Amino acid sequence: MQFPLVVEQPPGFKPEEPSTWPEFPGRWEYLGGRLLFMPPCGDEQADVATATLWQFEPWVSRHPEFVVGANEAGMILGGEVRGADAAVWRRDQLGAYSGKYRRTAPVLVVEIAGADEPEERLREKARWYLERGVRVAWLVVPGSREVIVVHGGGESRHRPGERLPTHDELPELEPDVSAFFRQLQKRA
């Protein structure tokens, strides 16, 4: 079976209304008029996602002008709905909480490769995000212990022991690549 699976849209489905989405555990997106399903992530991806979020806490404490979202942070960009493993928005670009998907492109998105999502699919997601106003994407690849930074000017690969390059719109955000994989190292 190859993921994502295209799933029939339930009666009354409205992509912009979270309450109309299927109530089935997993990861859902709406792209190109199609409802797509991915199974819940496995242990390696889950552990890397947790360590990834830890990278943001000290930074956002120093930079309250930003908001960090996670847990398949939902957004509607260009009429399509996608959920990032993590994303960073400028606080002044967001409205009041609505319980719905954000309609503003984040500055940064993070996507983490899983067993069902190879690196090339992450690159496709990065291109999708950049075409809709996201400034930079971090593609975290547990298998090779690398983070690929993708932006309008190209991309770069980073390994443990290196720091991710800062982006003009995200001051001082330059985590060590090793930190993304620290839980994996403890289990190995």
N, C-alpha and C. Protein backbone atom coordinates (compact mmCIF):
# COMPACT_ATOMS: atom_id res chain seq x y z
N MET A 1 0.85 -1.17 0.00
CA MET A 1 0.00 0.00 0.00
C MET A 1 0.90 1.24 0.00
N GLN A 2 0.53 2.20 -0.80
CA GLN A 2 1.32 3.42 -0.88
C GLN A 2 0.52 4.59 -0.31
N PHE A 3 1.20 5.37 0.52
CA PHE A 3 0.57 6.53 1.15
C PHE A 3 1.08 7.79 0.50
N PRO A 4 0.29 8.85 0.51
CA PRO A 4 -1.03 8.96 1.14
C PRO A 4 -2.12 8.28 0.32
N LEU A 5 -3.14 7.81 1.02
CA LEU A 5 -4.31 7.23 0.37
C LEU A 5 -5.31 8.32 0.06
N VAL A 6 -5.91 8.25 -1.12
CA VAL A 6 -7.00 9.16 -1.45
C VAL A 6 -8.27 8.54 -0.87
N VAL A 7 -9.00 9.31 -0.09
CA VAL A 7 -10.18 8.82 0.62
C VAL A 7 -11.41 9.59 0.12
N GLU A 8 -12.52 8.88 0.00
CA GLU A 8 -13.77 9.52 -0.40
C GLU A 8 -14.17 10.55 0.66
N GLN A 9 -14.57 11.70 0.21
CA GLN A 9 -14.96 12.77 1.13
C GLN A 9 -16.32 12.42 1.75
N PRO A 10 -16.42 12.56 3.08
CA PRO A 10 -17.70 12.24 3.73
C PRO A 10 -18.78 13.26 3.37
N PRO A 11 -20.04 12.90 3.51
CA PRO A 11 -21.11 13.85 3.24
C PRO A 11 -20.95 15.10 4.10
N GLY A 12 -21.14 16.26 3.50
CA GLY A 12 -21.04 17.52 4.23
C GLY A 12 -19.62 17.99 4.46
N PHE A 13 -18.65 17.33 3.85
CA PHE A 13 -17.25 17.69 4.06
C PHE A 13 -16.97 19.10 3.53
N LYS A 14 -16.35 19.91 4.38
CA LYS A 14 -15.90 21.25 4.02
C LYS A 14 -14.46 21.36 4.51
N PRO A 15 -13.49 21.49 3.61
CA PRO A 15 -12.09 21.50 4.02
C PRO A 15 -11.77 22.52 5.10
N GLU A 16 -12.45 23.65 5.09
CA GLU A 16 -12.15 24.71 6.06
C GLU A 16 -12.79 24.49 7.43
N GLU A 17 -13.62 23.47 7.56
CA GLU A 17 -14.31 23.17 8.82
C GLU A 17 -13.77 21.89 9.45
N PRO A 18 -12.93 22.00 10.48
CA PRO A 18 -12.36 20.79 11.10
C PRO A 18 -13.41 19.78 11.55
N SER A 19 -14.58 20.23 11.94
CA SER A 19 -15.60 19.31 12.45
C SER A 19 -16.19 18.40 11.37
N THR A 20 -15.93 18.69 10.08
CA THR A 20 -16.48 17.87 9.00
C THR A 20 -15.49 16.82 8.49
N TRP A 21 -14.28 16.81 9.05
CA TRP A 21 -13.27 15.85 8.61
C TRP A 21 -13.57 14.47 9.20
N PRO A 22 -13.10 13.40 8.58
CA PRO A 22 -13.33 12.06 9.13
C PRO A 22 -12.77 11.93 10.54
N GLU A 23 -13.48 11.17 11.36
CA GLU A 23 -13.03 10.92 12.73
C GLU A 23 -12.33 9.56 12.75
N PHE A 24 -11.12 9.57 12.26
CA PHE A 24 -10.33 8.36 12.16
C PHE A 24 -8.90 8.74 12.48
N PRO A 25 -8.22 8.02 13.39
CA PRO A 25 -6.87 8.42 13.78
C PRO A 25 -5.89 8.35 12.62
N GLY A 26 -5.11 9.38 12.50
CA GLY A 26 -4.12 9.46 11.44
C GLY A 26 -3.88 10.91 11.09
N ARG A 27 -3.23 11.11 9.97
CA ARG A 27 -2.90 12.46 9.50
C ARG A 27 -3.68 12.70 8.21
N TRP A 28 -4.36 13.82 8.16
CA TRP A 28 -5.21 14.13 7.02
C TRP A 28 -4.77 15.43 6.37
N GLU A 29 -4.93 15.51 5.04
CA GLU A 29 -4.68 16.74 4.30
C GLU A 29 -5.67 16.81 3.15
N TYR A 30 -5.89 18.01 2.65
CA TYR A 30 -6.77 18.22 1.52
C TYR A 30 -5.98 18.97 0.46
N LEU A 31 -5.62 18.27 -0.62
CA LEU A 31 -4.78 18.85 -1.67
C LEU A 31 -5.35 18.51 -3.04
N GLY A 32 -5.38 19.48 -3.92
CA GLY A 32 -5.83 19.22 -5.28
C GLY A 32 -7.24 18.67 -5.35
N GLY A 33 -8.11 19.08 -4.42
CA GLY A 33 -9.49 18.59 -4.40
C GLY A 33 -9.63 17.18 -3.87
N ARG A 34 -8.56 16.62 -3.30
CA ARG A 34 -8.59 15.24 -2.80
C ARG A 34 -8.32 15.22 -1.30
N LEU A 35 -9.04 14.37 -0.60
CA LEU A 35 -8.83 14.14 0.82
C LEU A 35 -7.80 13.01 0.94
N LEU A 36 -6.70 13.28 1.63
CA LEU A 36 -5.59 12.33 1.72
C LEU A 36 -5.39 11.87 3.16
N PHE A 37 -5.09 10.58 3.32
CA PHE A 37 -4.89 9.98 4.64
C PHE A 37 -3.49 9.38 4.73
N MET A 38 -2.85 9.61 5.88
CA MET A 38 -1.60 8.95 6.25
C MET A 38 -1.83 8.33 7.61
N PRO A 39 -1.29 7.14 7.86
CA PRO A 39 -1.47 6.53 9.19
C PRO A 39 -0.73 7.33 10.26
N PRO A 40 -1.05 7.09 11.52
CA PRO A 40 -0.29 7.75 12.59
C PRO A 40 1.20 7.44 12.44
N CYS A 41 2.03 8.34 12.92
CA CYS A 41 3.47 8.14 12.75
C CYS A 41 3.98 7.04 13.68
N GLY A 42 5.10 6.43 13.27
CA GLY A 42 5.73 5.38 14.06
C GLY A 42 6.62 5.94 15.15
N ASP A 43 7.25 5.05 15.89
CA ASP A 43 8.02 5.44 17.06
C ASP A 43 9.19 6.36 16.75
N GLU A 44 9.98 6.07 15.71
CA GLU A 44 11.14 6.90 15.39
C GLU A 44 10.70 8.32 15.03
N GLN A 45 9.71 8.43 14.17
CA GLN A 45 9.21 9.75 13.76
C GLN A 45 8.62 10.50 14.96
N ALA A 46 7.91 9.81 15.82
CA ALA A 46 7.33 10.45 17.01
C ALA A 46 8.41 10.98 17.94
N ASP A 47 9.47 10.21 18.14
CA ASP A 47 10.55 10.65 19.03
C ASP A 47 11.30 11.86 18.45
N VAL A 48 11.51 11.86 17.14
CA VAL A 48 12.17 12.99 16.50
C VAL A 48 11.26 14.22 16.53
N ALA A 49 9.97 14.03 16.36
CA ALA A 49 9.03 15.16 16.43
C ALA A 49 9.08 15.81 17.82
N THR A 50 9.15 15.01 18.85
CA THR A 50 9.23 15.55 20.21
C THR A 50 10.52 16.34 20.40
N ALA A 51 11.64 15.77 20.01
CA ALA A 51 12.92 16.47 20.14
C ALA A 51 12.95 17.74 19.30
N THR A 52 12.27 17.72 18.16
CA THR A 52 12.20 18.91 17.31
C THR A 52 11.48 20.04 18.05
N LEU A 53 10.39 19.73 18.68
CA LEU A 53 9.66 20.76 19.42
C LEU A 53 10.49 21.35 20.54
N TRP A 54 11.31 20.54 21.19
CA TRP A 54 12.17 21.05 22.26
C TRP A 54 13.09 22.14 21.76
N GLN A 55 13.41 22.15 20.47
CA GLN A 55 14.31 23.17 19.92
C GLN A 55 13.68 24.56 19.94
N PHE A 56 12.37 24.61 19.95
CA PHE A 56 11.68 25.89 19.86
C PHE A 56 11.41 26.56 21.20
N GLU A 57 11.30 25.79 22.28
CA GLU A 57 10.88 26.37 23.56
C GLU A 57 11.81 27.49 24.04
N PRO A 58 13.11 27.27 24.15
CA PRO A 58 13.95 28.37 24.65
C PRO A 58 13.95 29.56 23.68
N TRP A 59 13.88 29.27 22.40
CA TRP A 59 13.91 30.35 21.40
C TRP A 59 12.64 31.20 21.47
N VAL A 60 11.47 30.57 21.50
CA VAL A 60 10.22 31.34 21.51
C VAL A 60 10.06 32.09 22.83
N SER A 61 10.66 31.60 23.92
CA SER A 61 10.64 32.33 25.18
C SER A 61 11.38 33.66 25.05
N ARG A 62 12.43 33.67 24.25
CA ARG A 62 13.19 34.90 24.00
C ARG A 62 12.58 35.75 22.88
N HIS A 63 11.70 35.14 22.08
CA HIS A 63 11.11 35.82 20.93
C HIS A 63 9.58 35.65 20.94
N PRO A 64 8.90 36.32 21.88
CA PRO A 64 7.45 36.16 21.98
C PRO A 64 6.69 36.73 20.78
N GLU A 65 7.39 37.34 19.86
CA GLU A 65 6.73 37.84 18.65
C GLU A 65 6.40 36.71 17.68
N PHE A 66 6.78 35.48 18.07
CA PHE A 66 6.49 34.30 17.25
C PHE A 66 5.60 33.33 18.00
N VAL A 67 4.87 32.51 17.25
CA VAL A 67 4.02 31.44 17.78
C VAL A 67 4.45 30.15 17.11
N VAL A 68 4.65 29.10 17.90
CA VAL A 68 5.03 27.80 17.38
C VAL A 68 3.81 26.88 17.47
N GLY A 69 3.49 26.23 16.37
CA GLY A 69 2.41 25.25 16.34
C GLY A 69 2.97 23.87 16.03
N ALA A 70 2.30 22.84 16.51
CA ALA A 70 2.77 21.47 16.27
C ALA A 70 1.58 20.54 16.15
N ASN A 71 1.86 19.22 16.19
CA ASN A 71 0.81 18.22 16.17
C ASN A 71 -0.02 18.31 14.90
N GLU A 72 0.69 18.30 13.75
CA GLU A 72 0.04 18.48 12.45
C GLU A 72 -0.67 19.84 12.43
N ALA A 73 0.10 20.89 12.68
CA ALA A 73 -0.42 22.26 12.72
C ALA A 73 -1.15 22.58 11.42
N GLY A 74 -2.47 22.69 11.49
CA GLY A 74 -3.29 22.84 10.30
C GLY A 74 -3.30 24.26 9.76
N MET A 75 -3.24 24.34 8.43
CA MET A 75 -3.29 25.65 7.76
C MET A 75 -3.97 25.49 6.41
N ILE A 76 -4.68 26.54 6.01
CA ILE A 76 -5.27 26.61 4.68
C ILE A 76 -4.44 27.63 3.90
N LEU A 77 -3.79 27.15 2.85
CA LEU A 77 -3.00 28.02 1.99
C LEU A 77 -3.41 27.74 0.56
N GLY A 78 -3.86 28.76 -0.15
CA GLY A 78 -4.27 28.57 -1.53
C GLY A 78 -5.45 27.63 -1.68
N GLY A 79 -6.35 27.59 -0.68
CA GLY A 79 -7.54 26.75 -0.75
C GLY A 79 -7.29 25.28 -0.41
N GLU A 80 -6.07 24.93 -0.05
CA GLU A 80 -5.75 23.56 0.31
C GLU A 80 -5.37 23.50 1.78
N VAL A 81 -5.57 22.34 2.40
CA VAL A 81 -5.30 22.19 3.82
C VAL A 81 -4.14 21.21 4.00
N ARG A 82 -3.17 21.66 4.77
CA ARG A 82 -2.01 20.82 5.06
C ARG A 82 -1.69 20.96 6.54
N GLY A 83 -1.10 19.92 7.12
CA GLY A 83 -0.66 19.96 8.51
C GLY A 83 0.83 19.72 8.59
N ALA A 84 1.55 20.65 9.19
CA ALA A 84 3.00 20.51 9.35
C ALA A 84 3.31 19.87 10.70
N ASP A 85 4.41 19.15 10.76
CA ASP A 85 4.83 18.58 12.05
C ASP A 85 5.09 19.71 13.04
N ALA A 86 5.60 20.82 12.56
CA ALA A 86 5.76 22.03 13.38
C ALA A 86 5.78 23.22 12.42
N ALA A 87 5.42 24.38 12.93
CA ALA A 87 5.44 25.60 12.12
C ALA A 87 5.61 26.80 13.04
N VAL A 88 6.18 27.87 12.49
CA VAL A 88 6.40 29.10 13.24
C VAL A 88 5.76 30.26 12.47
N TRP A 89 4.86 30.96 13.16
CA TRP A 89 4.19 32.12 12.60
C TRP A 89 4.62 33.38 13.33
N ARG A 90 4.55 34.52 12.65
CA ARG A 90 4.71 35.82 13.32
C ARG A 90 3.38 36.10 14.03
N ARG A 91 3.45 36.38 15.30
CA ARG A 91 2.25 36.60 16.10
C ARG A 91 1.38 37.74 15.54
N ASP A 92 2.03 38.80 15.05
CA ASP A 92 1.27 39.96 14.56
C ASP A 92 0.52 39.69 13.26
N GLN A 93 0.75 38.53 12.64
CA GLN A 93 0.05 38.18 11.40
C GLN A 93 -1.14 37.25 11.65
N LEU A 94 -1.33 36.87 12.90
CA LEU A 94 -2.42 35.96 13.24
C LEU A 94 -3.56 36.72 13.89
N GLY A 95 -4.76 36.29 13.63
CA GLY A 95 -5.93 36.88 14.29
C GLY A 95 -6.21 36.15 15.59
N ALA A 96 -7.41 36.36 16.09
CA ALA A 96 -7.85 35.69 17.32
C ALA A 96 -8.02 34.19 17.05
N TYR A 97 -7.93 33.39 18.10
CA TYR A 97 -8.16 31.96 17.96
C TYR A 97 -9.58 31.71 17.49
N SER A 98 -9.74 30.75 16.56
CA SER A 98 -11.05 30.45 16.01
C SER A 98 -11.41 28.98 16.13
N GLY A 99 -10.45 28.13 16.50
CA GLY A 99 -10.69 26.69 16.52
C GLY A 99 -10.61 26.09 15.12
N LYS A 100 -10.22 26.90 14.15
CA LYS A 100 -10.12 26.43 12.75
C LYS A 100 -8.68 26.51 12.30
N TYR A 101 -8.46 26.26 11.04
CA TYR A 101 -7.11 26.27 10.49
C TYR A 101 -6.63 27.70 10.26
N ARG A 102 -5.35 27.91 10.48
CA ARG A 102 -4.76 29.22 10.22
C ARG A 102 -4.71 29.45 8.71
N ARG A 103 -4.94 30.69 8.31
CA ARG A 103 -4.97 31.04 6.90
C ARG A 103 -3.79 31.93 6.50
N THR A 104 -2.81 32.00 7.36
CA THR A 104 -1.60 32.78 7.12
C THR A 104 -0.44 31.82 6.96
N ALA A 105 0.38 32.06 5.97
CA ALA A 105 1.55 31.21 5.78
C ALA A 105 2.53 31.42 6.94
N PRO A 106 3.03 30.34 7.53
CA PRO A 106 4.05 30.50 8.55
C PRO A 106 5.37 30.92 7.91
N VAL A 107 6.27 31.39 8.73
CA VAL A 107 7.62 31.71 8.25
C VAL A 107 8.38 30.41 8.01
N LEU A 108 8.22 29.45 8.93
CA LEU A 108 8.96 28.18 8.90
C LEU A 108 8.01 27.02 9.05
N VAL A 109 8.24 25.95 8.30
CA VAL A 109 7.56 24.67 8.54
C VAL A 109 8.63 23.61 8.74
N VAL A 110 8.27 22.60 9.53
CA VAL A 110 9.14 21.45 9.76
C VAL A 110 8.35 20.21 9.37
N GLU A 111 8.97 19.39 8.54
CA GLU A 111 8.40 18.10 8.16
C GLU A 111 9.43 17.03 8.51
N ILE A 112 8.96 15.94 9.10
CA ILE A 112 9.83 14.86 9.56
C ILE A 112 9.54 13.60 8.77
N ALA A 113 10.56 13.03 8.18
CA ALA A 113 10.39 11.81 7.38
C ALA A 113 9.99 10.65 8.28
N GLY A 114 9.03 9.89 7.79
CA GLY A 114 8.62 8.67 8.48
C GLY A 114 8.82 7.49 7.55
N ALA A 115 8.50 6.31 8.03
CA ALA A 115 8.65 5.10 7.23
C ALA A 115 7.81 5.17 5.96
N ASP A 116 6.70 5.90 6.01
CA ASP A 116 5.79 5.99 4.87
C ASP A 116 5.96 7.29 4.09
N GLU A 117 7.03 8.03 4.37
CA GLU A 117 7.20 9.33 3.73
C GLU A 117 8.68 9.56 3.42
N PRO A 118 9.12 9.17 2.23
CA PRO A 118 10.53 9.30 1.88
C PRO A 118 10.94 10.77 1.66
N GLU A 119 12.23 10.97 1.60
CA GLU A 119 12.80 12.31 1.45
C GLU A 119 12.22 13.06 0.25
N GLU A 120 12.03 12.40 -0.87
CA GLU A 120 11.51 13.10 -2.06
C GLU A 120 10.10 13.65 -1.81
N ARG A 121 9.27 12.92 -1.06
CA ARG A 121 7.94 13.42 -0.74
C ARG A 121 8.04 14.65 0.15
N LEU A 122 9.02 14.67 1.06
CA LEU A 122 9.23 15.86 1.89
C LEU A 122 9.65 17.05 1.03
N ARG A 123 10.48 16.81 0.02
CA ARG A 123 10.87 17.89 -0.89
C ARG A 123 9.66 18.45 -1.63
N GLU A 124 8.76 17.57 -2.05
CA GLU A 124 7.52 18.02 -2.71
C GLU A 124 6.72 18.91 -1.77
N LYS A 125 6.61 18.49 -0.50
CA LYS A 125 5.90 19.31 0.48
C LYS A 125 6.58 20.66 0.65
N ALA A 126 7.91 20.66 0.73
CA ALA A 126 8.64 21.93 0.88
C ALA A 126 8.34 22.86 -0.28
N ARG A 127 8.35 22.33 -1.50
CA ARG A 127 8.03 23.17 -2.67
C ARG A 127 6.61 23.73 -2.56
N TRP A 128 5.67 22.88 -2.13
CA TRP A 128 4.28 23.31 -1.97
C TRP A 128 4.21 24.48 -0.99
N TYR A 129 4.87 24.33 0.15
CA TYR A 129 4.86 25.40 1.16
C TYR A 129 5.48 26.68 0.62
N LEU A 130 6.64 26.57 -0.01
CA LEU A 130 7.32 27.77 -0.51
C LEU A 130 6.49 28.49 -1.56
N GLU A 131 5.78 27.74 -2.39
CA GLU A 131 4.92 28.36 -3.42
C GLU A 131 3.74 29.11 -2.80
N ARG A 132 3.47 28.87 -1.54
CA ARG A 132 2.33 29.50 -0.87
C ARG A 132 2.76 30.48 0.22
N GLY A 133 3.99 30.94 0.17
CA GLY A 133 4.43 32.02 1.04
C GLY A 133 5.29 31.66 2.23
N VAL A 134 5.50 30.38 2.49
CA VAL A 134 6.41 29.98 3.57
C VAL A 134 7.82 30.36 3.14
N ARG A 135 8.61 30.85 4.07
CA ARG A 135 9.95 31.33 3.75
C ARG A 135 11.01 30.25 3.78
N VAL A 136 10.87 29.29 4.72
CA VAL A 136 11.90 28.25 4.87
C VAL A 136 11.26 26.98 5.41
N ALA A 137 11.78 25.83 4.96
CA ALA A 137 11.32 24.52 5.45
C ALA A 137 12.52 23.74 5.94
N TRP A 138 12.32 23.10 7.09
CA TRP A 138 13.32 22.16 7.61
C TRP A 138 12.77 20.76 7.38
N LEU A 139 13.51 19.94 6.65
CA LEU A 139 13.12 18.56 6.40
C LEU A 139 14.04 17.69 7.26
N VAL A 140 13.46 17.06 8.26
CA VAL A 140 14.23 16.29 9.23
C VAL A 140 14.18 14.82 8.80
N VAL A 141 15.35 14.24 8.59
CA VAL A 141 15.44 12.88 8.05
C VAL A 141 16.13 11.96 9.08
N PRO A 142 15.34 11.24 9.88
CA PRO A 142 15.92 10.39 10.91
C PRO A 142 16.88 9.32 10.37
N GLY A 143 16.55 8.73 9.23
CA GLY A 143 17.38 7.65 8.70
C GLY A 143 18.83 8.05 8.47
N SER A 144 19.07 9.26 7.97
CA SER A 144 20.44 9.72 7.72
C SER A 144 20.93 10.69 8.78
N ARG A 145 20.06 10.99 9.76
CA ARG A 145 20.39 11.94 10.84
C ARG A 145 20.79 13.29 10.25
N GLU A 146 20.01 13.77 9.29
CA GLU A 146 20.27 15.05 8.65
C GLU A 146 19.04 15.94 8.69
N VAL A 147 19.27 17.24 8.56
CA VAL A 147 18.20 18.21 8.36
C VAL A 147 18.53 18.95 7.07
N ILE A 148 17.56 18.95 6.17
CA ILE A 148 17.69 19.66 4.91
C ILE A 148 16.94 20.98 5.06
N VAL A 149 17.61 22.08 4.81
CA VAL A 149 17.00 23.41 4.89
C VAL A 149 16.68 23.84 3.46
N VAL A 150 15.39 24.10 3.19
CA VAL A 150 14.95 24.49 1.86
C VAL A 150 14.36 25.89 1.94
N HIS A 151 14.79 26.74 1.01
CA HIS A 151 14.25 28.12 0.94
C HIS A 151 14.27 28.55 -0.52
N GLY A 152 13.79 29.75 -0.80
CA GLY A 152 13.70 30.23 -2.17
C GLY A 152 15.01 30.25 -2.92
N GLY A 153 16.13 30.35 -2.21
CA GLY A 153 17.44 30.40 -2.84
C GLY A 153 18.11 29.05 -3.02
N GLY A 154 17.44 27.98 -2.61
CA GLY A 154 18.03 26.65 -2.76
C GLY A 154 17.89 25.83 -1.50
N GLU A 155 18.85 24.96 -1.28
CA GLU A 155 18.80 24.10 -0.10
C GLU A 155 20.20 23.75 0.37
N SER A 156 20.27 23.28 1.61
CA SER A 156 21.54 22.82 2.18
C SER A 156 21.24 21.68 3.14
N ARG A 157 22.21 20.76 3.27
CA ARG A 157 22.09 19.60 4.16
C ARG A 157 22.99 19.81 5.36
N HIS A 158 22.49 19.39 6.53
CA HIS A 158 23.25 19.60 7.76
C HIS A 158 23.23 18.31 8.58
N ARG A 159 24.38 18.00 9.17
CA ARG A 159 24.58 16.77 9.93
C ARG A 159 24.81 17.07 11.41
N PRO A 160 24.72 16.05 12.26
CA PRO A 160 25.01 16.25 13.67
C PRO A 160 26.36 16.93 13.87
N GLY A 161 26.38 17.84 14.84
CA GLY A 161 27.58 18.64 15.11
C GLY A 161 27.55 19.98 14.40
N GLU A 162 26.64 20.14 13.45
CA GLU A 162 26.47 21.42 12.75
C GLU A 162 25.24 22.12 13.31
N ARG A 163 25.21 23.43 13.14
CA ARG A 163 24.03 24.21 13.51
C ARG A 163 23.28 24.56 12.23
N LEU A 164 21.96 24.62 12.32
CA LEU A 164 21.20 25.07 11.15
C LEU A 164 21.45 26.56 10.93
N PRO A 165 21.50 26.99 9.69
CA PRO A 165 21.75 28.41 9.44
C PRO A 165 20.55 29.25 9.88
N THR A 166 20.84 30.44 10.37
CA THR A 166 19.74 31.34 10.73
C THR A 166 19.08 31.86 9.47
N HIS A 167 17.85 32.25 9.60
CA HIS A 167 17.10 32.87 8.50
C HIS A 167 16.82 34.30 8.93
N ASP A 168 16.88 35.23 8.00
CA ASP A 168 16.69 36.66 8.32
C ASP A 168 15.42 36.92 9.13
N GLU A 169 14.37 36.16 8.87
CA GLU A 169 13.09 36.41 9.55
C GLU A 169 12.93 35.64 10.85
N LEU A 170 13.94 34.85 11.22
CA LEU A 170 13.89 34.05 12.45
C LEU A 170 15.18 34.26 13.24
N PRO A 171 15.33 35.42 13.86
CA PRO A 171 16.60 35.75 14.52
C PRO A 171 16.97 34.75 15.61
N GLU A 172 18.24 34.37 15.59
CA GLU A 172 18.84 33.51 16.61
C GLU A 172 18.34 32.07 16.61
N LEU A 173 17.53 31.67 15.64
CA LEU A 173 17.05 30.29 15.59
C LEU A 173 18.04 29.47 14.77
N GLU A 174 18.95 28.78 15.46
CA GLU A 174 20.00 28.00 14.80
C GLU A 174 20.34 26.77 15.64
N PRO A 175 19.38 25.83 15.76
CA PRO A 175 19.63 24.67 16.62
C PRO A 175 20.73 23.75 16.08
N ASP A 176 21.32 23.01 16.98
CA ASP A 176 22.30 21.99 16.63
C ASP A 176 21.53 20.79 16.07
N VAL A 177 21.98 20.28 14.96
CA VAL A 177 21.30 19.16 14.31
C VAL A 177 21.25 17.94 15.23
N SER A 178 22.26 17.72 16.04
CA SER A 178 22.29 16.56 16.95
C SER A 178 21.06 16.53 17.85
N ALA A 179 20.57 17.71 18.25
CA ALA A 179 19.46 17.77 19.19
C ALA A 179 18.16 17.18 18.62
N PHE A 180 18.00 17.22 17.31
CA PHE A 180 16.79 16.65 16.69
C PHE A 180 16.72 15.14 16.91
N PHE A 181 17.88 14.52 17.05
CA PHE A 181 17.95 13.06 17.09
C PHE A 181 18.39 12.52 18.45
N ARG A 182 18.40 13.37 19.47
CA ARG A 182 18.95 12.94 20.76
C ARG A 182 18.20 11.79 21.39
N GLN A 183 16.91 11.70 21.20
CA GLN A 183 16.18 10.56 21.76
C GLN A 183 16.53 9.28 21.03
N LEU A 184 16.81 9.35 19.74
CA LEU A 184 17.18 8.17 18.98
C LEU A 184 18.54 7.66 19.43
N GLN A 185 19.45 8.56 19.72
CA GLN A 185 20.78 8.15 20.15
C GLN A 185 20.71 7.41 21.48
N LYS A 186 19.80 7.82 22.34
CA LYS A 186 19.68 7.18 23.65
C LYS A 186 19.12 5.77 23.52
N ARG A 187 18.30 5.52 22.51
CA ARG A 187 17.66 4.22 22.33
C ARG A 187 18.51 3.25 21.51
N ALA A 188 19.44 3.79 20.75
CA ALA A 188 20.21 2.95 19.82
C ALA A 188 21.05 1.91 20.53
